Amino acid sequence: MSEVQAIEKSPGILANYVEITKPRLSVVVVFSSIAGYFLGADTYDWLTVLLLCVGGYFLVGSSNVFNQIIERDRDALMKRTMNRPIPTGRVSVSNAWIYGLVMALTGVYVLYLINVPTAFFGALSIVLYAAVYTPLKTRTPLCVFVGAFPGAIPYMLGWVAASGSFGIEPGTLFMLQFFWQFPHFWAIGWMLENDYKAGGFKMLPTGATDRGTAIQIILYTVWTIAVSVIPAFGVTGSLYITLWSAAVVLLLGLWFLYYAVKLFRERTNAVARKLMLVSVSYITLIQIIYVVDKFLR
């Protein structure tokens, strides 16, 4: 490929800066916050929804920017990430730092306009993700446990934005997304094992795609399912779902569990990929069902 052709195919400056925020992931995270808001709000303030979208995207985007700055040398070693803007030099490290800091500060301020607890939990998610989870990825498989904390904040953040406080309801939403992350990320770690090893990352609980890892995936899937139906029993305050919705949630959970067990039996990358896709569908559908159930009651 000639130099001219390479330049023509290179993304524009704006596209590079959007790319390092991982827009698809950021939008999914913001969606979970909005779902949490509609669950927690008695009346709906569309300005709050807008602030939650903007502030949430900025915080998640900045976390992703910091993550890629810290991991830029390792990203260059992995096929999946070697063409990202920072490893290729399309975005300089100094510019990425400035960009990430501006996004982080702006995101915290925007969430502060909603209320102080929302800004606090948003800021906490950045610190845990960038300063704790990211460095641990090369040191211990426990990084997934640590990373599950900031990863579980967005769902409950929406409820906190609506209520202004933390209680049993956002705590339940937190636990649901907390447990869900283990089978989700271990499925990703399973199918990308060789790539992660090339980058020096330790993502699987036993360090390998073996029976032990598969058993832990099943266990955390079961705990995810258990938490998802708890709101039907009237023990989670004003967070409640009907028995009909709980039945649908349980069926989705069994669908999720089926692929976790299938991975245990077959232990192939193909099944791990299927489990990852099912896990994404599962958490998205659960969030939608919870919200729809509230509106139909």
C-alpha atoms as a PDB file:
ATOM      1  CA  MET A   1       0.000   0.000   0.000  1.00  0.00           C
ATOM      2  CA  SER A   2       1.389   3.400  -0.964  1.00  0.00           C
ATOM      3  CA  GLU A   3       1.781   6.226   1.569  1.00  0.00           C
ATOM      4  CA  VAL A   4      -0.969   8.167  -0.203  1.00  0.00           C
ATOM      5  CA  GLN A   5      -3.364   5.198   0.037  1.00  0.00           C
ATOM      6  CA  ALA A   6      -2.522   4.752   3.720  1.00  0.00           C
ATOM      7  CA  ILE A   7      -3.317   8.405   4.415  1.00  0.00           C
ATOM      8  CA  GLU A   8      -6.594   8.149   2.511  1.00  0.00           C
ATOM      9  CA  LYS A   9      -7.654   5.120   4.540  1.00  0.00           C
ATOM     10  CA  SER A  10      -6.579   6.604   7.894  1.00  0.00           C
ATOM     11  CA  PRO A  11      -9.534   7.782  10.030  1.00  0.00           C
ATOM     12  CA  GLY A  12      -9.965  11.510  10.495  1.00  0.00           C
ATOM     13  CA  ILE A  13      -8.907  13.319  13.661  1.00  0.00           C
ATOM     14  CA  LEU A  14     -12.431  13.451  15.060  1.00  0.00           C
ATOM     15  CA  ALA A  15     -12.976   9.751  14.327  1.00  0.00           C
ATOM     16  CA  ASN A  16      -9.799   8.877  16.240  1.00  0.00           C
ATOM     17  CA  TYR A  17     -10.893  10.794  19.329  1.00  0.00           C
ATOM     18  CA  VAL A  18     -14.341   9.237  19.201  1.00  0.00           C
ATOM     19  CA  GLU A  19     -12.801   5.781  18.778  1.00  0.00           C
ATOM     20  CA  ILE A  20     -10.708   5.967  21.946  1.00  0.00           C
ATOM     21  CA  THR A  21     -13.868   6.535  23.994  1.00  0.00           C
ATOM     22  CA  LYS A  22     -15.093   3.109  22.773  1.00  0.00           C
ATOM     23  CA  PRO A  23     -18.473   4.516  21.699  1.00  0.00           C
ATOM     24  CA  ARG A  24     -20.354   1.218  21.427  1.00  0.00           C
ATOM     25  CA  LEU A  25     -19.370   0.163  24.930  1.00  0.00           C
ATOM     26  CA  SER A  26     -20.034   3.647  26.291  1.00  0.00           C
ATOM     27  CA  VAL A  27     -23.529   3.746  24.776  1.00  0.00           C
ATOM     28  CA  VAL A  28     -24.365   0.345  26.299  1.00  0.00           C
ATOM     29  CA  VAL A  29     -23.224   1.579  29.713  1.00  0.00           C
ATOM     30  CA  VAL A  30     -25.258   4.785  29.387  1.00  0.00           C
ATOM     31  CA  PHE A  31     -28.298   2.682  28.428  1.00  0.00           C
ATOM     32  CA  SER A  32     -28.024   0.795  31.725  1.00  0.00           C
ATOM     33  CA  SER A  33     -27.908   4.096  33.627  1.00  0.00           C
ATOM     34  CA  ILE A  34     -31.037   5.311  31.863  1.00  0.00           C
ATOM     35  CA  ALA A  35     -32.793   2.029  32.692  1.00  0.00           C
ATOM     36  CA  GLY A  36     -31.834   2.523  36.342  1.00  0.00           C
ATOM     37  CA  TYR A  37     -33.193   6.084  36.247  1.00  0.00           C
ATOM     38  CA  PHE A  38     -36.596   5.038  34.906  1.00  0.00           C
ATOM     39  CA  LEU A  39     -36.797   2.344  37.565  1.00  0.00           C
ATOM     40  CA  GLY A  40     -36.023   4.794  40.364  1.00  0.00           C
ATOM     41  CA  ALA A  41     -37.943   7.901  39.288  1.00  0.00           C
ATOM     42  CA  ASP A  42     -41.525   8.620  40.318  1.00  0.00           C
ATOM     43  CA  THR A  43     -41.750  11.507  37.859  1.00  0.00           C
ATOM     44  CA  TYR A  44     -39.461  11.923  34.894  1.00  0.00           C
ATOM     45  CA  ASP A  45     -37.265  14.950  34.357  1.00  0.00           C
ATOM     46  CA  TRP A  46     -35.928  14.911  30.811  1.00  0.00           C
ATOM     47  CA  LEU A  47     -33.174  17.387  31.682  1.00  0.00           C
ATOM     48  CA  THR A  48     -31.908  14.866  34.233  1.00  0.00           C
ATOM     49  CA  VAL A  49     -32.036  12.147  31.587  1.00  0.00           C
ATOM     50  CA  LEU A  50     -29.992  14.330  29.233  1.00  0.00           C
ATOM     51  CA  LEU A  51     -27.443  15.141  31.958  1.00  0.00           C
ATOM     52  CA  LEU A  52     -27.193  11.454  32.842  1.00  0.00           C
ATOM     53  CA  CYS A  53     -26.561  10.563  29.181  1.00  0.00           C
ATOM     54  CA  VAL A  54     -23.927  13.253  28.653  1.00  0.00           C
ATOM     55  CA  GLY A  55     -22.219  12.892  32.016  1.00  0.00           C
ATOM     56  CA  GLY A  56     -22.323   9.111  31.850  1.00  0.00           C
ATOM     57  CA  TYR A  57     -20.818   8.992  28.361  1.00  0.00           C
ATOM     58  CA  PHE A  58     -18.048  11.397  29.331  1.00  0.00           C
ATOM     59  CA  LEU A  59     -17.142   9.363  32.414  1.00  0.00           C
ATOM     60  CA  VAL A  60     -17.146   6.005  30.640  1.00  0.00           C
ATOM     61  CA  GLY A  61     -15.330   7.505  27.664  1.00  0.00           C
ATOM     62  CA  SER A  62     -12.644   9.049  29.866  1.00  0.00           C
ATOM     63  CA  SER A  63     -12.142   5.728  31.700  1.00  0.00           C
ATOM     64  CA  ASN A  64     -11.604   4.040  28.345  1.00  0.00           C
ATOM     65  CA  VAL A  65      -9.141   6.745  27.293  1.00  0.00           C
ATOM     66  CA  PHE A  66      -7.102   6.352  30.499  1.00  0.00           C
ATOM     67  CA  ASN A  67      -7.182   2.574  30.083  1.00  0.00           C
ATOM     68  CA  GLN A  68      -5.767   2.801  26.569  1.00  0.00           C
ATOM     69  CA  ILE A  69      -3.068   5.266  27.612  1.00  0.00           C
ATOM     70  CA  ILE A  70      -1.862   2.947  30.368  1.00  0.00           C
ATOM     71  CA  GLU A  71      -2.052  -0.151  28.156  1.00  0.00           C
ATOM     72  CA  ARG A  72      -0.747   1.398  24.924  1.00  0.00           C
ATOM     73  CA  ASP A  73       2.432  -0.708  24.785  1.00  0.00           C
ATOM     74  CA  ARG A  74       0.557  -3.916  25.513  1.00  0.00           C
ATOM     75  CA  ASP A  75      -2.208  -3.021  23.065  1.00  0.00           C
ATOM     76  CA  ALA A  76       0.458  -2.844  20.367  1.00  0.00           C
ATOM     77  CA  LEU A  77       1.238  -6.528  21.008  1.00  0.00           C
ATOM     78  CA  MET A  78      -2.309  -7.822  20.510  1.00  0.00           C
ATOM     79  CA  LYS A  79      -4.041  -8.322  17.154  1.00  0.00           C
ATOM     80  CA  ARG A  80      -7.341  -7.090  18.567  1.00  0.00           C
ATOM     81  CA  THR A  81      -5.955  -3.755  19.726  1.00  0.00           C
ATOM     82  CA  MET A  82      -2.772  -3.016  17.764  1.00  0.00           C
ATOM     83  CA  ASN A  83      -4.593  -0.670  15.365  1.00  0.00           C
ATOM     84  CA  ARG A  84      -6.107   1.544  18.030  1.00  0.00           C
ATOM     85  CA  PRO A  85      -5.350   5.285  17.711  1.00  0.00           C
ATOM     86  CA  ILE A  86      -2.889   5.518  20.615  1.00  0.00           C
ATOM     87  CA  PRO A  87      -0.645   2.494  19.808  1.00  0.00           C
ATOM     88  CA  THR A  88      -0.492   3.582  16.148  1.00  0.00           C
ATOM     89  CA  GLY A  89       0.309   7.180  17.080  1.00  0.00           C
ATOM     90  CA  ARG A  90      -2.802   8.654  15.468  1.00  0.00           C
ATOM     91  CA  VAL A  91      -3.515  10.197  18.876  1.00  0.00           C
ATOM     92  CA  SER A  92      -0.506  11.243  20.960  1.00  0.00           C
ATOM     93  CA  VAL A  93      -0.237  10.214  24.604  1.00  0.00           C
ATOM     94  CA  SER A  94      -0.114  13.835  25.788  1.00  0.00           C
ATOM     95  CA  ASN A  95      -3.225  14.760  23.812  1.00  0.00           C
ATOM     96  CA  ALA A  96      -4.997  11.642  25.069  1.00  0.00           C
ATOM     97  CA  TRP A  97      -4.226  12.610  28.688  1.00  0.00           C
ATOM     98  CA  ILE A  98      -5.638  16.098  28.163  1.00  0.00           C
ATOM     99  CA  TYR A  99      -8.681  14.698  26.356  1.00  0.00           C
ATOM    100  CA  GLY A 100      -9.339  12.119  29.073  1.00  0.00           C
ATOM    101  CA  LEU A 101      -8.966  14.611  31.920  1.00  0.00           C
ATOM    102  CA  VAL A 102     -11.277  17.142  30.269  1.00  0.00           C
ATOM    103  CA  MET A 103     -13.878  14.437  29.675  1.00  0.00           C
ATOM    104  CA  ALA A 104     -13.586  13.153  33.257  1.00  0.00           C
ATOM    105  CA  LEU A 105     -13.897  16.560  34.892  1.00  0.00           C
ATOM    106  CA  THR A 106     -16.747  17.542  32.597  1.00  0.00           C
ATOM    107  CA  GLY A 107     -18.546  14.259  33.249  1.00  0.00           C
ATOM    108  CA  VAL A 108     -18.282  14.615  37.033  1.00  0.00           C
ATOM    109  CA  TYR A 109     -19.505  18.215  36.846  1.00  0.00           C
ATOM    110  CA  VAL A 110     -22.481  17.282  34.645  1.00  0.00           C
ATOM    111  CA  LEU A 111     -23.476  14.525  37.080  1.00  0.00           C
ATOM    112  CA  TYR A 112     -23.009  16.987  39.963  1.00  0.00           C
ATOM    113  CA  LEU A 113     -25.736  19.074  38.350  1.00  0.00           C
ATOM    114  CA  ILE A 114     -28.074  16.128  39.014  1.00  0.00           C
ATOM    115  CA  ASN A 115     -27.016  15.575  42.625  1.00  0.00           C
ATOM    116  CA  VAL A 116     -23.899  14.996  44.725  1.00  0.00           C
ATOM    117  CA  PRO A 117     -24.256  11.186  45.197  1.00  0.00           C
ATOM    118  CA  THR A 118     -24.457  10.673  41.424  1.00  0.00           C
ATOM    119  CA  ALA A 119     -21.277  12.706  40.901  1.00  0.00           C
ATOM    120  CA  PHE A 120     -19.542  10.815  43.729  1.00  0.00           C
ATOM    121  CA  PHE A 121     -20.313   7.356  42.361  1.00  0.00           C
ATOM    122  CA  GLY A 122     -19.430   8.497  38.844  1.00  0.00           C
ATOM    123  CA  ALA A 123     -16.034   9.772  39.997  1.00  0.00           C
ATOM    124  CA  LEU A 124     -15.481   6.600  42.020  1.00  0.00           C
ATOM    125  CA  SER A 125     -16.057   4.474  38.916  1.00  0.00           C
ATOM    126  CA  ILE A 126     -13.282   6.315  37.049  1.00  0.00           C
ATOM    127  CA  VAL A 127     -10.785   5.891  39.899  1.00  0.00           C
ATOM    128  CA  LEU A 128     -11.547   2.191  40.368  1.00  0.00           C
ATOM    129  CA  TYR A 129     -11.434   1.434  36.637  1.00  0.00           C
ATOM    130  CA  ALA A 130      -8.364   3.421  35.610  1.00  0.00           C
ATOM    131  CA  ALA A 131      -6.257   3.465  38.775  1.00  0.00           C
ATOM    132  CA  VAL A 132      -7.039   0.036  40.259  1.00  0.00           C
ATOM    133  CA  TYR A 133      -8.544  -2.382  37.720  1.00  0.00           C
ATOM    134  CA  THR A 134      -6.332  -1.478  34.753  1.00  0.00           C
ATOM    135  CA  PRO A 135      -2.957  -1.912  36.541  1.00  0.00           C
ATOM    136  CA  LEU A 136      -4.133  -5.191  38.098  1.00  0.00           C
ATOM    137  CA  LYS A 137      -4.879  -6.771  34.710  1.00  0.00           C
ATOM    138  CA  THR A 138      -1.224  -7.728  34.282  1.00  0.00           C
ATOM    139  CA  ARG A 139      -0.752  -8.850  37.883  1.00  0.00           C
ATOM    140  CA  THR A 140      -3.631 -11.062  38.974  1.00  0.00           C
ATOM    141  CA  PRO A 141      -6.871 -12.650  37.733  1.00  0.00           C
ATOM    142  CA  LEU A 142      -8.526 -10.869  40.670  1.00  0.00           C
ATOM    143  CA  CYS A 143      -8.582  -7.843  38.375  1.00  0.00           C
ATOM    144  CA  VAL A 144     -11.979  -9.050  37.110  1.00  0.00           C
ATOM    145  CA  PHE A 145     -13.351  -8.937  40.663  1.00  0.00           C
ATOM    146  CA  VAL A 146     -12.024  -5.404  41.137  1.00  0.00           C
ATOM    147  CA  GLY A 147     -13.237  -4.324  37.687  1.00  0.00           C
ATOM    148  CA  ALA A 148     -16.719  -5.614  38.452  1.00  0.00           C
ATOM    149  CA  PHE A 149     -17.193  -2.778  40.965  1.00  0.00           C
ATOM    150  CA  PRO A 150     -16.923   0.159  38.519  1.00  0.00           C
ATOM    151  CA  GLY A 151     -18.670  -1.982  35.917  1.00  0.00           C
ATOM    152  CA  ALA A 152     -21.685  -2.426  38.201  1.00  0.00           C
ATOM    153  CA  ILE A 153     -22.019   1.246  39.127  1.00  0.00           C
ATOM    154  CA  PRO A 154     -23.838   2.541  35.982  1.00  0.00           C
ATOM    155  CA  TYR A 155     -27.062   0.549  36.513  1.00  0.00           C
ATOM    156  CA  MET A 156     -27.433   1.708  40.101  1.00  0.00           C
ATOM    157  CA  LEU A 157     -26.213   5.210  39.164  1.00  0.00           C
ATOM    158  CA  GLY A 158     -29.466   5.859  37.326  1.00  0.00           C
ATOM    159  CA  TRP A 159     -31.492   5.047  40.443  1.00  0.00           C
ATOM    160  CA  VAL A 160     -29.241   7.303  42.540  1.00  0.00           C
ATOM    161  CA  ALA A 161     -29.737  10.082  39.976  1.00  0.00           C
ATOM    162  CA  ALA A 162     -33.499   9.678  40.371  1.00  0.00           C
ATOM    163  CA  SER A 163     -33.627   9.346  44.166  1.00  0.00           C
ATOM    164  CA  GLY A 164     -30.554  11.236  45.352  1.00  0.00           C
ATOM    165  CA  SER A 165     -29.570   8.435  47.717  1.00  0.00           C
ATOM    166  CA  PHE A 166     -28.217   4.880  47.894  1.00  0.00           C
ATOM    167  CA  GLY A 167     -30.317   2.083  49.389  1.00  0.00           C
ATOM    168  CA  ILE A 168     -31.484  -1.494  48.933  1.00  0.00           C
ATOM    169  CA  GLU A 169     -32.946  -0.779  45.474  1.00  0.00           C
ATOM    170  CA  PRO A 170     -29.804   0.549  43.743  1.00  0.00           C
ATOM    171  CA  GLY A 171     -27.814  -1.963  45.793  1.00  0.00           C
ATOM    172  CA  THR A 172     -29.799  -4.793  44.182  1.00  0.00           C
ATOM    173  CA  LEU A 173     -29.231  -3.345  40.706  1.00  0.00           C
ATOM    174  CA  PHE A 174     -25.544  -3.097  41.560  1.00  0.00           C
ATOM    175  CA  MET A 175     -25.352  -6.743  42.644  1.00  0.00           C
ATOM    176  CA  LEU A 176     -27.172  -7.937  39.511  1.00  0.00           C
ATOM    177  CA  GLN A 177     -24.693  -6.241  37.195  1.00  0.00           C
ATOM    178  CA  PHE A 178     -21.770  -7.106  39.496  1.00  0.00           C
ATOM    179  CA  PHE A 179     -22.311 -10.877  39.318  1.00  0.00           C
ATOM    180  CA  TRP A 180     -23.208 -10.749  35.601  1.00  0.00           C
ATOM    181  CA  GLN A 181     -19.795  -9.368  34.700  1.00  0.00           C
ATOM    182  CA  PHE A 182     -17.911 -12.502  35.724  1.00  0.00           C
ATOM    183  CA  PRO A 183     -19.363 -14.934  33.141  1.00  0.00           C
ATOM    184  CA  HIS A 184     -19.418 -12.103  30.590  1.00  0.00           C
ATOM    185  CA  PHE A 185     -15.755 -11.125  30.909  1.00  0.00           C
ATOM    186  CA  TRP A 186     -14.496 -14.646  31.458  1.00  0.00           C
ATOM    187  CA  ALA A 187     -16.221 -15.669  28.222  1.00  0.00           C
ATOM    188  CA  ILE A 188     -14.335 -12.848  26.480  1.00  0.00           C
ATOM    189  CA  GLY A 189     -11.118 -13.874  28.228  1.00  0.00           C
ATOM    190  CA  TRP A 190     -11.689 -17.471  27.131  1.00  0.00           C
ATOM    191  CA  MET A 191     -12.107 -16.729  23.422  1.00  0.00           C
ATOM    192  CA  LEU A 192      -9.270 -14.160  23.415  1.00  0.00           C
ATOM    193  CA  GLU A 193      -6.917 -16.150  25.650  1.00  0.00           C
ATOM    194  CA  ASN A 194      -3.986 -16.118  23.227  1.00  0.00           C
ATOM    195  CA  ASP A 195      -4.325 -12.418  22.505  1.00  0.00           C
ATOM    196  CA  TYR A 196      -4.480 -11.558  26.203  1.00  0.00           C
ATOM    197  CA  LYS A 197      -1.419 -13.718  26.869  1.00  0.00           C
ATOM    198  CA  ALA A 198       0.470 -11.853  24.144  1.00  0.00           C
ATOM    199  CA  GLY A 199      -0.304  -8.616  25.979  1.00  0.00           C
ATOM    200  CA  GLY A 200       0.560 -10.071  29.375  1.00  0.00           C
ATOM    201  CA  PHE A 201      -2.973  -9.833  30.766  1.00  0.00           C
ATOM    202  CA  LYS A 202      -4.292 -12.245  33.406  1.00  0.00           C
ATOM    203  CA  MET A 203      -8.049 -12.377  32.953  1.00  0.00           C
ATOM    204  CA  LEU A 204      -9.177 -15.966  33.640  1.00  0.00           C
ATOM    205  CA  PRO A 205      -9.690 -17.100  37.263  1.00  0.00           C
ATOM    206  CA  THR A 206      -7.452 -20.165  36.956  1.00  0.00           C
ATOM    207  CA  GLY A 207      -5.193 -18.661  34.312  1.00  0.00           C
ATOM    208  CA  ALA A 208      -6.404 -21.066  31.637  1.00  0.00           C
ATOM    209  CA  THR A 209      -9.415 -22.185  29.601  1.00  0.00           C
ATOM    210  CA  ASP A 210      -9.943 -25.215  31.797  1.00  0.00           C
ATOM    211  CA  ARG A 211     -12.545 -27.010  33.884  1.00  0.00           C
ATOM    212  CA  GLY A 212     -11.993 -24.724  36.892  1.00  0.00           C
ATOM    213  CA  THR A 213     -12.690 -21.569  34.901  1.00  0.00           C
ATOM    214  CA  ALA A 214     -15.812 -23.137  33.380  1.00  0.00           C
ATOM    215  CA  ILE A 215     -17.136 -24.127  36.819  1.00  0.00           C
ATOM    216  CA  GLN A 216     -16.682 -20.574  38.126  1.00  0.00           C
ATOM    217  CA  ILE A 217     -18.524 -19.217  35.087  1.00  0.00           C
ATOM    218  CA  ILE A 218     -21.459 -21.500  35.927  1.00  0.00           C
ATOM    219  CA  LEU A 219     -21.456 -20.464  39.594  1.00  0.00           C
ATOM    220  CA  TYR A 220     -21.488 -16.736  38.851  1.00  0.00           C
ATOM    221  CA  THR A 221     -24.194 -17.255  36.245  1.00  0.00           C
ATOM    222  CA  VAL A 222     -26.356 -18.970  38.875  1.00  0.00           C
ATOM    223  CA  TRP A 223     -25.787 -16.090  41.317  1.00  0.00           C
ATOM    224  CA  THR A 224     -26.710 -13.606  38.591  1.00  0.00           C
ATOM    225  CA  ILE A 225     -29.970 -15.430  37.951  1.00  0.00           C
ATOM    226  CA  ALA A 226     -30.750 -15.592  41.694  1.00  0.00           C
ATOM    227  CA  VAL A 227     -30.275 -11.832  42.139  1.00  0.00           C
ATOM    228  CA  SER A 228     -32.347 -11.091  39.031  1.00  0.00           C
ATOM    229  CA  VAL A 229     -35.504 -12.684  40.483  1.00  0.00           C
ATOM    230  CA  ILE A 230     -35.149 -11.395  44.068  1.00  0.00           C
ATOM    231  CA  PRO A 231     -37.231  -8.227  43.354  1.00  0.00           C
ATOM    232  CA  ALA A 232     -40.276 -10.465  42.807  1.00  0.00           C
ATOM    233  CA  PHE A 233     -40.297 -11.440  46.507  1.00  0.00           C
ATOM    234  CA  GLY A 234     -40.901  -7.956  47.911  1.00  0.00           C
ATOM    235  CA  VAL A 235     -37.632  -7.725  49.860  1.00  0.00           C
ATOM    236  CA  THR A 236     -35.932  -5.015  47.818  1.00  0.00           C
ATOM    237  CA  GLY A 237     -37.907  -1.946  48.846  1.00  0.00           C
ATOM    238  CA  SER A 238     -39.608  -0.114  46.004  1.00  0.00           C
ATOM    239  CA  LEU A 239     -37.727  -2.150  43.406  1.00  0.00           C
ATOM    240  CA  TYR A 240     -40.271  -4.802  42.504  1.00  0.00           C
ATOM    241  CA  ILE A 241     -41.199  -7.000  39.547  1.00  0.00           C
ATOM    242  CA  THR A 242     -44.339  -9.107  39.104  1.00  0.00           C
ATOM    243  CA  LEU A 243     -44.262 -12.879  39.118  1.00  0.00           C
ATOM    244  CA  TRP A 244     -44.980 -12.860  35.372  1.00  0.00           C
ATOM    245  CA  SER A 245     -41.898 -10.764  34.722  1.00  0.00           C
ATOM    246  CA  ALA A 246     -39.891 -12.891  37.137  1.00  0.00           C
ATOM    247  CA  ALA A 247     -40.847 -15.966  35.118  1.00  0.00           C
ATOM    248  CA  VAL A 248     -39.562 -14.342  31.920  1.00  0.00           C
ATOM    249  CA  VAL A 249     -36.402 -13.220  33.726  1.00  0.00           C
ATOM    250  CA  LEU A 250     -35.891 -16.780  34.973  1.00  0.00           C
ATOM    251  CA  LEU A 251     -36.299 -18.207  31.461  1.00  0.00           C
ATOM    252  CA  LEU A 252     -33.697 -15.771  30.181  1.00  0.00           C
ATOM    253  CA  GLY A 253     -31.447 -16.825  33.018  1.00  0.00           C
ATOM    254  CA  LEU A 254     -31.808 -20.493  32.083  1.00  0.00           C
ATOM    255  CA  TRP A 255     -30.895 -19.558  28.498  1.00  0.00           C
ATOM    256  CA  PHE A 256     -27.786 -17.853  29.871  1.00  0.00           C
ATOM    257  CA  LEU A 257     -27.007 -20.843  32.101  1.00  0.00           C
ATOM    258  CA  TYR A 258     -27.433 -23.282  29.197  1.00  0.00           C
ATOM    259  CA  TYR A 259     -24.467 -21.754  27.383  1.00  0.00           C
ATOM    260  CA  ALA A 260     -22.411 -21.583  30.568  1.00  0.00           C
ATOM    261  CA  VAL A 261     -22.940 -25.332  31.037  1.00  0.00           C
ATOM    262  CA  LYS A 262     -22.304 -25.923  27.333  1.00  0.00           C
ATOM    263  CA  LEU A 263     -18.950 -24.182  27.701  1.00  0.00           C
ATOM    264  CA  PHE A 264     -18.117 -26.467  30.630  1.00  0.00           C
ATOM    265  CA  ARG A 265     -18.898 -29.518  28.493  1.00  0.00           C
ATOM    266  CA  GLU A 266     -17.270 -28.483  25.218  1.00  0.00           C
ATOM    267  CA  ARG A 267     -14.684 -25.841  26.207  1.00  0.00           C
ATOM    268  CA  THR A 268     -14.379 -24.288  22.775  1.00  0.00           C
ATOM    269  CA  ASN A 269     -13.881 -20.701  21.645  1.00  0.00           C
ATOM    270  CA  ALA A 270     -17.039 -20.952  19.554  1.00  0.00           C
ATOM    271  CA  VAL A 271     -19.165 -21.666  22.619  1.00  0.00           C
ATOM    272  CA  ALA A 272     -17.343 -18.976  24.615  1.00  0.00           C
ATOM    273  CA  ARG A 273     -18.215 -16.455  21.923  1.00  0.00           C
ATOM    274  CA  LYS A 274     -21.839 -17.572  21.966  1.00  0.00           C
ATOM    275  CA  LEU A 275     -21.907 -17.244  25.758  1.00  0.00           C
ATOM    276  CA  MET A 276     -20.515 -13.715  25.497  1.00  0.00           C
ATOM    277  CA  LEU A 277     -23.196 -12.690  23.000  1.00  0.00           C
ATOM    278  CA  VAL A 278     -25.940 -14.311  25.074  1.00  0.00           C
ATOM    279  CA  SER A 279     -24.681 -12.510  28.186  1.00  0.00           C
ATOM    280  CA  VAL A 280     -24.981  -9.125  26.452  1.00  0.00           C
ATOM    281  CA  SER A 281     -28.490  -9.953  25.261  1.00  0.00           C
ATOM    282  CA  TYR A 282     -29.410 -11.211  28.732  1.00  0.00           C
ATOM    283  CA  ILE A 283     -28.445  -8.084  30.685  1.00  0.00           C
ATOM    284  CA  THR A 284     -30.021  -5.777  28.091  1.00  0.00           C
ATOM    285  CA  LEU A 285     -33.300  -7.702  28.101  1.00  0.00           C
ATOM    286  CA  ILE A 286     -33.364  -7.855  31.910  1.00  0.00           C
ATOM    287  CA  GLN A 287     -33.055  -4.070  32.101  1.00  0.00           C
ATOM    288  CA  ILE A 288     -35.833  -3.627  29.551  1.00  0.00           C
ATOM    289  CA  ILE A 289     -38.122  -6.118  31.327  1.00  0.00           C
ATOM    290  CA  TYR A 290     -37.641  -4.402  34.684  1.00  0.00           C
ATOM    291  CA  VAL A 291     -38.605  -1.028  33.184  1.00  0.00           C
ATOM    292  CA  VAL A 292     -41.536  -2.382  31.150  1.00  0.00           C
ATOM    293  CA  ASP A 293     -42.833  -4.240  34.205  1.00  0.00           C
ATOM    294  CA  LYS A 294     -42.896  -0.984  36.171  1.00  0.00           C
ATOM    295  CA  PHE A 295     -44.866   0.808  33.451  1.00  0.00           C
ATOM    296  CA  LEU A 296     -47.385  -2.026  33.014  1.00  0.00           C
ATOM    297  CA  ARG A 297     -48.212  -2.454  36.699  1.00  0.00           C
END
